[in-house]
């Protein structure tokens, strides 16, 4: 599944910092724009995986599970 998120990049001295307004807490940094974007992408992936795991933890075994695709 492909997801698109907004990446806001700002220069801070010799570094680039990045954040995603749609995913609170998702931040990245790097010595180049590309490295900051990659760092941000990794942070988003980790946060979403953690949210999914946390959300599924309390689902009863007998509950029906399906997939929804949002485009």
C-alpha atoms as a PDB file:
ATOM      1  CA  UNK A   1       0.000   0.000   0.000  1.00  0.00           C
ATOM      2  CA  UNK A   2       1.292   3.419  -0.898  1.00  0.00           C
ATOM      3  CA  UNK A   3       0.833   6.346   1.463  1.00  0.00           C
ATOM      4  CA  UNK A   4       1.809   9.942   0.890  1.00  0.00           C
ATOM      5  CA  UNK A   5       2.684  12.377   3.658  1.00  0.00           C
ATOM      6  CA  UNK A   6       3.814  15.992   3.757  1.00  0.00           C
ATOM      7  CA  UNK A   7       7.490  16.562   4.517  1.00  0.00           C
ATOM      8  CA  UNK A   8       8.437  20.012   5.824  1.00  0.00           C
ATOM      9  CA  UNK A   9      12.184  20.636   5.570  1.00  0.00           C
ATOM     10  CA  UNK A  10      14.087  23.511   7.136  1.00  0.00           C
ATOM     11  CA  UNK A  11      17.751  24.346   7.223  1.00  0.00           C
ATOM     12  CA  UNK A  12      19.388  24.596  10.652  1.00  0.00           C
ATOM     13  CA  UNK A  13      23.013  25.575  10.227  1.00  0.00           C
ATOM     14  CA  UNK A  14      24.758  22.714   8.427  1.00  0.00           C
ATOM     15  CA  UNK A  15      21.796  20.364   8.947  1.00  0.00           C
ATOM     16  CA  UNK A  16      18.352  19.867   7.495  1.00  0.00           C
ATOM     17  CA  UNK A  17      15.486  19.060   9.835  1.00  0.00           C
ATOM     18  CA  UNK A  18      12.223  17.564   8.653  1.00  0.00           C
ATOM     19  CA  UNK A  19       8.827  16.895  10.153  1.00  0.00           C
ATOM     20  CA  UNK A  20       5.470  15.577   9.050  1.00  0.00           C
ATOM     21  CA  UNK A  21       2.413  17.559  10.186  1.00  0.00           C
ATOM     22  CA  UNK A  22       0.080  14.565   9.602  1.00  0.00           C
ATOM     23  CA  UNK A  23       2.030  12.277  11.949  1.00  0.00           C
ATOM     24  CA  UNK A  24       2.677  13.897  15.336  1.00  0.00           C
ATOM     25  CA  UNK A  25       6.162  13.131  16.611  1.00  0.00           C
ATOM     26  CA  UNK A  26       7.575  12.199  13.199  1.00  0.00           C
ATOM     27  CA  UNK A  27      10.846  14.097  12.814  1.00  0.00           C
ATOM     28  CA  UNK A  28      14.026  13.560  10.851  1.00  0.00           C
ATOM     29  CA  UNK A  29      17.362  15.186  10.290  1.00  0.00           C
ATOM     30  CA  UNK A  30      20.362  14.861   8.034  1.00  0.00           C
ATOM     31  CA  UNK A  31      23.327  16.601   6.506  1.00  0.00           C
ATOM     32  CA  UNK A  32      21.469  16.755   3.162  1.00  0.00           C
ATOM     33  CA  UNK A  33      17.825  17.163   2.139  1.00  0.00           C
ATOM     34  CA  UNK A  34      17.733  13.541   0.968  1.00  0.00           C
ATOM     35  CA  UNK A  35      19.125  12.232   4.257  1.00  0.00           C
ATOM     36  CA  UNK A  36      16.609  14.289   6.226  1.00  0.00           C
ATOM     37  CA  UNK A  37      13.757  12.994   4.039  1.00  0.00           C
ATOM     38  CA  UNK A  38      14.942   9.392   4.483  1.00  0.00           C
ATOM     39  CA  UNK A  39      15.246   9.888   8.240  1.00  0.00           C
ATOM     40  CA  UNK A  40      11.702  11.295   8.310  1.00  0.00           C
ATOM     41  CA  UNK A  41      10.358   8.387   6.232  1.00  0.00           C
ATOM     42  CA  UNK A  42      11.905   5.917   8.688  1.00  0.00           C
ATOM     43  CA  UNK A  43      10.382   7.800  11.641  1.00  0.00           C
ATOM     44  CA  UNK A  44       6.925   7.765  10.016  1.00  0.00           C
ATOM     45  CA  UNK A  45       7.190   4.022   9.317  1.00  0.00           C
ATOM     46  CA  UNK A  46       8.207   3.293  12.927  1.00  0.00           C
ATOM     47  CA  UNK A  47       5.398   5.412  14.385  1.00  0.00           C
ATOM     48  CA  UNK A  48       2.747   3.826  12.140  1.00  0.00           C
ATOM     49  CA  UNK A  49       3.978   0.305  12.921  1.00  0.00           C
ATOM     50  CA  UNK A  50       3.889   1.078  16.653  1.00  0.00           C
ATOM     51  CA  UNK A  51       0.373   2.543  16.399  1.00  0.00           C
ATOM     52  CA  UNK A  52      -0.845  -0.514  14.482  1.00  0.00           C
ATOM     53  CA  UNK A  53       0.674  -2.945  16.990  1.00  0.00           C
ATOM     54  CA  UNK A  54      -0.709  -0.947  19.909  1.00  0.00           C
ATOM     55  CA  UNK A  55      -4.167  -0.708  18.339  1.00  0.00           C
ATOM     56  CA  UNK A  56      -4.373  -4.436  17.588  1.00  0.00           C
ATOM     57  CA  UNK A  57      -3.205  -5.511  21.017  1.00  0.00           C
ATOM     58  CA  UNK A  58      -6.695  -5.455  22.544  1.00  0.00           C
ATOM     59  CA  UNK A  59      -8.650  -6.927  19.618  1.00  0.00           C
ATOM     60  CA  UNK A  60     -10.581 -10.034  20.666  1.00  0.00           C
ATOM     61  CA  UNK A  61      -9.526 -13.267  18.946  1.00  0.00           C
ATOM     62  CA  UNK A  62     -13.059 -13.810  17.610  1.00  0.00           C
ATOM     63  CA  UNK A  63     -13.236 -10.363  15.959  1.00  0.00           C
ATOM     64  CA  UNK A  64     -13.334 -10.210  12.164  1.00  0.00           C
ATOM     65  CA  UNK A  65     -10.299  -8.579  10.564  1.00  0.00           C
ATOM     66  CA  UNK A  66     -10.231  -6.952   7.112  1.00  0.00           C
ATOM     67  CA  UNK A  67      -8.145  -4.416   5.184  1.00  0.00           C
ATOM     68  CA  UNK A  68      -9.257  -0.966   4.040  1.00  0.00           C
ATOM     69  CA  UNK A  69      -7.339   0.903   1.318  1.00  0.00           C
ATOM     70  CA  UNK A  70      -7.546   4.702   1.377  1.00  0.00           C
ATOM     71  CA  UNK A  71      -6.385   6.570  -1.703  1.00  0.00           C
END
